[in-house]
Amino acid sequence: MKRYLFIGLIVIAMAIGWFLSLDPFRHQPPEPTVTIEDRDVKVSIGTYDWSGMFRGETADAKAEAIDLVKGDPSTLAKPEDRLTIRFEKGPTPKSVTIVLWSVEDKKEIKTYKKTGQITVPSTPGRYVYQITADWKEGDGDFAFPIEVK
C-alpha cells in the first residue's frame, strides 16, 4: 500500500512540474532561434521585463549589446551569408527590432524591423546583433556576436 502511495505522489509531483513549465508560468521572455546559413547561433539574454500568470520578473543586464556579449565567441560568417531570426517558442512578439552594431567603432550600422532573412555585412569584421522584442507580457533584449571573414 505504501508503495502505491509513494508512486502516486511521484506521478503527481511530475505532473505539477510539467504544468508549471507551461507558458502561462514563464517568468522571462522566450529566446529567439538564430541561424546563419542553417548553423545555430548562441544568443545571450540582456535586460527584460516579463509578467507571467502567477509571477513576473525584471532583470537589468546593465550592459549595452556589445558589452553583453564581450566574452562570448563570435559565430563565423562569410560575407552576405543569410541570417534568420525566429521566435518559435512561446507567444509571438508584437514587434521586433534588430540593430547591427560594429564592435570596432561601437556604432550602430543598420536597423531592421523584420525578422525574416537578413544578409550579414559584406565587409569583414566583428559585429553584434541586438534584438529587442515586445509582447503583451513584457519585453526583452537579446544579443549575439558574429565575425565576417
C-alpha atoms as a PDB file:
ATOM      1  CA  MET A   1       0.000   0.000   0.000  1.00  0.00           C
ATOM      2  CA  LYS A   2       2.810   2.426   0.894  1.00  0.00           C
ATOM      3  CA  ARG A   3       4.475   1.578  -2.391  1.00  0.00           C
ATOM      4  CA  TYR A   4       1.425   2.687  -4.404  1.00  0.00           C
ATOM      5  CA  LEU A   5       1.110   5.857  -2.336  1.00  0.00           C
ATOM      6  CA  PHE A   6       4.787   6.671  -2.998  1.00  0.00           C
ATOM      7  CA  ILE A   7       4.414   6.047  -6.754  1.00  0.00           C
ATOM      8  CA  GLY A   8       1.232   8.143  -6.805  1.00  0.00           C
ATOM      9  CA  LEU A   9       2.988  11.058  -5.080  1.00  0.00           C
ATOM     10  CA  ILE A  10       5.868  10.895  -7.588  1.00  0.00           C
ATOM     11  CA  VAL A  11       3.428  10.950 -10.519  1.00  0.00           C
ATOM     12  CA  ILE A  12       1.549  13.918  -9.024  1.00  0.00           C
ATOM     13  CA  ALA A  13       4.818  15.822  -8.405  1.00  0.00           C
ATOM     14  CA  MET A  14       5.921  15.210 -12.011  1.00  0.00           C
ATOM     15  CA  ALA A  15       2.551  16.383 -13.329  1.00  0.00           C
ATOM     16  CA  ILE A  16       2.739  19.574 -11.264  1.00  0.00           C
ATOM     17  CA  GLY A  17       6.298  20.224 -12.507  1.00  0.00           C
ATOM     18  CA  TRP A  18       5.215  19.767 -16.117  1.00  0.00           C
ATOM     19  CA  PHE A  19       2.186  22.039 -15.603  1.00  0.00           C
ATOM     20  CA  LEU A  20       4.311  24.811 -14.097  1.00  0.00           C
ATOM     21  CA  SER A  21       6.718  24.705 -17.048  1.00  0.00           C
ATOM     22  CA  LEU A  22       3.964  25.799 -19.463  1.00  0.00           C
ATOM     23  CA  ASP A  23       3.947  29.304 -20.984  1.00  0.00           C
ATOM     24  CA  PRO A  24       1.478  30.946 -18.566  1.00  0.00           C
ATOM     25  CA  PHE A  25       4.023  30.312 -15.816  1.00  0.00           C
ATOM     26  CA  ARG A  26       7.014  31.608 -17.773  1.00  0.00           C
ATOM     27  CA  HIS A  27       8.989  34.291 -15.918  1.00  0.00           C
ATOM     28  CA  GLN A  28      11.223  35.519 -18.731  1.00  0.00           C
ATOM     29  CA  PRO A  29      10.665  36.216 -22.422  1.00  0.00           C
ATOM     30  CA  PRO A  30      11.081  33.432 -24.991  1.00  0.00           C
ATOM     31  CA  GLU A  31      14.510  33.434 -26.608  1.00  0.00           C
ATOM     32  CA  PRO A  32      14.817  33.709 -30.373  1.00  0.00           C
ATOM     33  CA  THR A  33      16.199  30.936 -32.541  1.00  0.00           C
ATOM     34  CA  VAL A  34      19.003  32.372 -34.679  1.00  0.00           C
ATOM     35  CA  THR A  35      20.752  30.635 -37.565  1.00  0.00           C
ATOM     36  CA  ILE A  36      23.387  31.678 -40.089  1.00  0.00           C
ATOM     37  CA  GLU A  37      23.172  29.501 -43.188  1.00  0.00           C
ATOM     38  CA  ASP A  38      21.397  26.770 -41.130  1.00  0.00           C
ATOM     39  CA  ARG A  39      24.032  26.859 -38.342  1.00  0.00           C
ATOM     40  CA  ASP A  40      22.724  27.618 -34.843  1.00  0.00           C
ATOM     41  CA  VAL A  41      23.932  30.812 -33.167  1.00  0.00           C
ATOM     42  CA  LYS A  42      24.210  31.206 -29.376  1.00  0.00           C
ATOM     43  CA  VAL A  43      22.072  34.119 -28.181  1.00  0.00           C
ATOM     44  CA  SER A  44      22.538  35.928 -24.843  1.00  0.00           C
ATOM     45  CA  ILE A  45      19.640  37.486 -22.974  1.00  0.00           C
ATOM     46  CA  GLY A  46      20.053  41.012 -21.675  1.00  0.00           C
ATOM     47  CA  THR A  47      17.597  43.283 -19.923  1.00  0.00           C
ATOM     48  CA  TYR A  48      13.993  42.079 -19.765  1.00  0.00           C
ATOM     49  CA  ASP A  49      10.678  42.644 -18.023  1.00  0.00           C
ATOM     50  CA  TRP A  50       8.128  39.822 -18.012  1.00  0.00           C
ATOM     51  CA  SER A  51       4.781  39.195 -16.307  1.00  0.00           C
ATOM     52  CA  GLY A  52       3.532  35.618 -16.177  1.00  0.00           C
ATOM     53  CA  MET A  53       0.211  34.399 -14.808  1.00  0.00           C
ATOM     54  CA  PHE A  54       1.443  33.993 -11.243  1.00  0.00           C
ATOM     55  CA  ARG A  55       4.827  35.648 -11.256  1.00  0.00           C
ATOM     56  CA  GLY A  56       6.819  38.310 -13.034  1.00  0.00           C
ATOM     57  CA  GLU A  57      10.470  39.148 -13.258  1.00  0.00           C
ATOM     58  CA  THR A  58      12.621  42.111 -14.186  1.00  0.00           C
ATOM     59  CA  ALA A  59      16.324  41.781 -14.968  1.00  0.00           C
ATOM     60  CA  ASP A  60      18.661  44.636 -15.782  1.00  0.00           C
ATOM     61  CA  ALA A  61      21.787  43.483 -17.613  1.00  0.00           C
ATOM     62  CA  LYS A  62      23.382  46.927 -17.081  1.00  0.00           C
ATOM     63  CA  ALA A  63      25.310  46.469 -20.310  1.00  0.00           C
ATOM     64  CA  GLU A  64      24.969  47.603 -23.884  1.00  0.00           C
ATOM     65  CA  ALA A  65      24.673  44.911 -26.560  1.00  0.00           C
ATOM     66  CA  ILE A  66      28.393  44.944 -27.417  1.00  0.00           C
ATOM     67  CA  ASP A  67      29.419  44.675 -23.759  1.00  0.00           C
ATOM     68  CA  LEU A  68      26.801  41.996 -23.040  1.00  0.00           C
ATOM     69  CA  VAL A  69      28.495  39.540 -25.413  1.00  0.00           C
ATOM     70  CA  LYS A  70      32.069  40.759 -24.958  1.00  0.00           C
ATOM     71  CA  GLY A  71      33.454  37.415 -23.750  1.00  0.00           C
ATOM     72  CA  ASP A  72      31.284  35.235 -25.991  1.00  0.00           C
ATOM     73  CA  PRO A  73      32.837  33.515 -29.002  1.00  0.00           C
ATOM     74  CA  SER A  74      31.718  35.024 -32.304  1.00  0.00           C
ATOM     75  CA  THR A  75      29.899  32.901 -34.848  1.00  0.00           C
ATOM     76  CA  LEU A  76      31.859  32.888 -38.089  1.00  0.00           C
ATOM     77  CA  ALA A  77      30.087  34.027 -41.240  1.00  0.00           C
ATOM     78  CA  LYS A  78      31.015  34.652 -44.841  1.00  0.00           C
ATOM     79  CA  PRO A  79      30.187  37.978 -46.471  1.00  0.00           C
ATOM     80  CA  GLU A  80      26.494  38.168 -47.304  1.00  0.00           C
ATOM     81  CA  ASP A  81      25.513  34.890 -45.551  1.00  0.00           C
ATOM     82  CA  ARG A  82      21.830  34.642 -44.660  1.00  0.00           C
ATOM     83  CA  LEU A  83      20.853  35.243 -41.038  1.00  0.00           C
ATOM     84  CA  THR A  84      17.433  34.070 -39.813  1.00  0.00           C
ATOM     85  CA  ILE A  85      15.796  35.098 -36.520  1.00  0.00           C
ATOM     86  CA  ARG A  86      12.607  33.371 -35.340  1.00  0.00           C
ATOM     87  CA  PHE A  87      10.622  33.261 -32.117  1.00  0.00           C
ATOM     88  CA  GLU A  88       9.389  29.666 -32.233  1.00  0.00           C
ATOM     89  CA  LYS A  89       8.528  29.017 -28.593  1.00  0.00           C
ATOM     90  CA  GLY A  90       6.067  30.989 -26.536  1.00  0.00           C
ATOM     91  CA  PRO A  91       3.879  33.874 -27.616  1.00  0.00           C
ATOM     92  CA  THR A  92       4.539  35.725 -30.855  1.00  0.00           C
ATOM     93  CA  PRO A  93       6.080  39.177 -30.266  1.00  0.00           C
ATOM     94  CA  LYS A  94       4.037  42.254 -31.162  1.00  0.00           C
ATOM     95  CA  SER A  95       7.140  43.950 -32.537  1.00  0.00           C
ATOM     96  CA  VAL A  96      10.795  43.122 -33.114  1.00  0.00           C
ATOM     97  CA  THR A  97      13.677  45.481 -33.849  1.00  0.00           C
ATOM     98  CA  ILE A  98      17.133  44.267 -34.830  1.00  0.00           C
ATOM     99  CA  VAL A  99      20.144  46.572 -34.654  1.00  0.00           C
ATOM    100  CA  LEU A 100      23.522  45.774 -36.202  1.00  0.00           C
ATOM    101  CA  TRP A 101      26.494  47.204 -34.272  1.00  0.00           C
ATOM    102  CA  SER A 102      30.140  47.494 -35.282  1.00  0.00           C
ATOM    103  CA  VAL A 103      32.346  46.168 -32.471  1.00  0.00           C
ATOM    104  CA  GLU A 104      35.345  48.164 -33.686  1.00  0.00           C
ATOM    105  CA  ASP A 105      33.583  51.553 -33.780  1.00  0.00           C
ATOM    106  CA  LYS A 106      30.863  50.785 -31.192  1.00  0.00           C
ATOM    107  CA  LYS A 107      28.439  52.427 -33.619  1.00  0.00           C
ATOM    108  CA  GLU A 108      25.033  51.440 -34.888  1.00  0.00           C
ATOM    109  CA  ILE A 109      25.242  50.425 -38.550  1.00  0.00           C
ATOM    110  CA  LYS A 110      21.714  49.434 -39.515  1.00  0.00           C
ATOM    111  CA  THR A 111      18.248  48.816 -38.048  1.00  0.00           C
ATOM    112  CA  TYR A 112      15.846  46.116 -39.267  1.00  0.00           C
ATOM    113  CA  LYS A 113      12.127  45.905 -38.469  1.00  0.00           C
ATOM    114  CA  LYS A 114      11.548  42.402 -39.872  1.00  0.00           C
ATOM    115  CA  THR A 115      12.955  39.140 -38.547  1.00  0.00           C
ATOM    116  CA  GLY A 116      12.914  37.244 -41.831  1.00  0.00           C
ATOM    117  CA  GLN A 117      16.159  36.623 -43.577  1.00  0.00           C
ATOM    118  CA  ILE A 118      18.821  39.265 -43.092  1.00  0.00           C
ATOM    119  CA  THR A 119      22.080  39.401 -45.022  1.00  0.00           C
ATOM    120  CA  VAL A 120      25.203  39.759 -42.871  1.00  0.00           C
ATOM    121  CA  PRO A 121      27.601  42.569 -43.818  1.00  0.00           C
ATOM    122  CA  SER A 122      29.892  42.116 -46.793  1.00  0.00           C
ATOM    123  CA  THR A 123      32.791  43.892 -45.056  1.00  0.00           C
ATOM    124  CA  PRO A 124      34.977  41.616 -42.894  1.00  0.00           C
ATOM    125  CA  GLY A 125      34.964  42.436 -39.189  1.00  0.00           C
ATOM    126  CA  ARG A 126      33.300  41.800 -35.832  1.00  0.00           C
ATOM    127  CA  TYR A 127      29.650  42.727 -35.379  1.00  0.00           C
ATOM    128  CA  VAL A 128      26.929  42.371 -32.763  1.00  0.00           C
ATOM    129  CA  TYR A 129      23.242  41.979 -33.500  1.00  0.00           C
ATOM    130  CA  GLN A 130      20.871  43.283 -30.845  1.00  0.00           C
ATOM    131  CA  ILE A 131      17.282  42.016 -30.859  1.00  0.00           C
ATOM    132  CA  THR A 132      14.582  43.906 -28.965  1.00  0.00           C
ATOM    133  CA  ALA A 133      11.153  42.266 -28.830  1.00  0.00           C
ATOM    134  CA  ASP A 134       7.873  43.373 -27.246  1.00  0.00           C
ATOM    135  CA  TRP A 135       4.992  41.147 -26.139  1.00  0.00           C
ATOM    136  CA  LYS A 136       1.834  41.937 -24.201  1.00  0.00           C
ATOM    137  CA  GLU A 137       3.548  40.198 -21.258  1.00  0.00           C
ATOM    138  CA  GLY A 138       6.670  42.368 -21.416  1.00  0.00           C
ATOM    139  CA  ASP A 139       9.844  42.921 -23.416  1.00  0.00           C
ATOM    140  CA  GLY A 140      13.357  41.574 -23.781  1.00  0.00           C
ATOM    141  CA  ASP A 141      16.750  42.363 -25.280  1.00  0.00           C
ATOM    142  CA  PHE A 142      18.993  39.699 -26.784  1.00  0.00           C
ATOM    143  CA  ALA A 143      22.404  39.873 -28.463  1.00  0.00           C
ATOM    144  CA  PHE A 144      24.902  37.725 -30.314  1.00  0.00           C
ATOM    145  CA  PRO A 145      28.320  38.389 -31.878  1.00  0.00           C
ATOM    146  CA  ILE A 146      29.394  37.384 -35.380  1.00  0.00           C
ATOM    147  CA  GLU A 147      32.668  37.656 -37.253  1.00  0.00           C
ATOM    148  CA  VAL A 148      32.590  38.088 -41.002  1.00  0.00           C
ATOM    149  CA  LYS A 149      35.700  36.648 -42.690  1.00  0.00           C
END
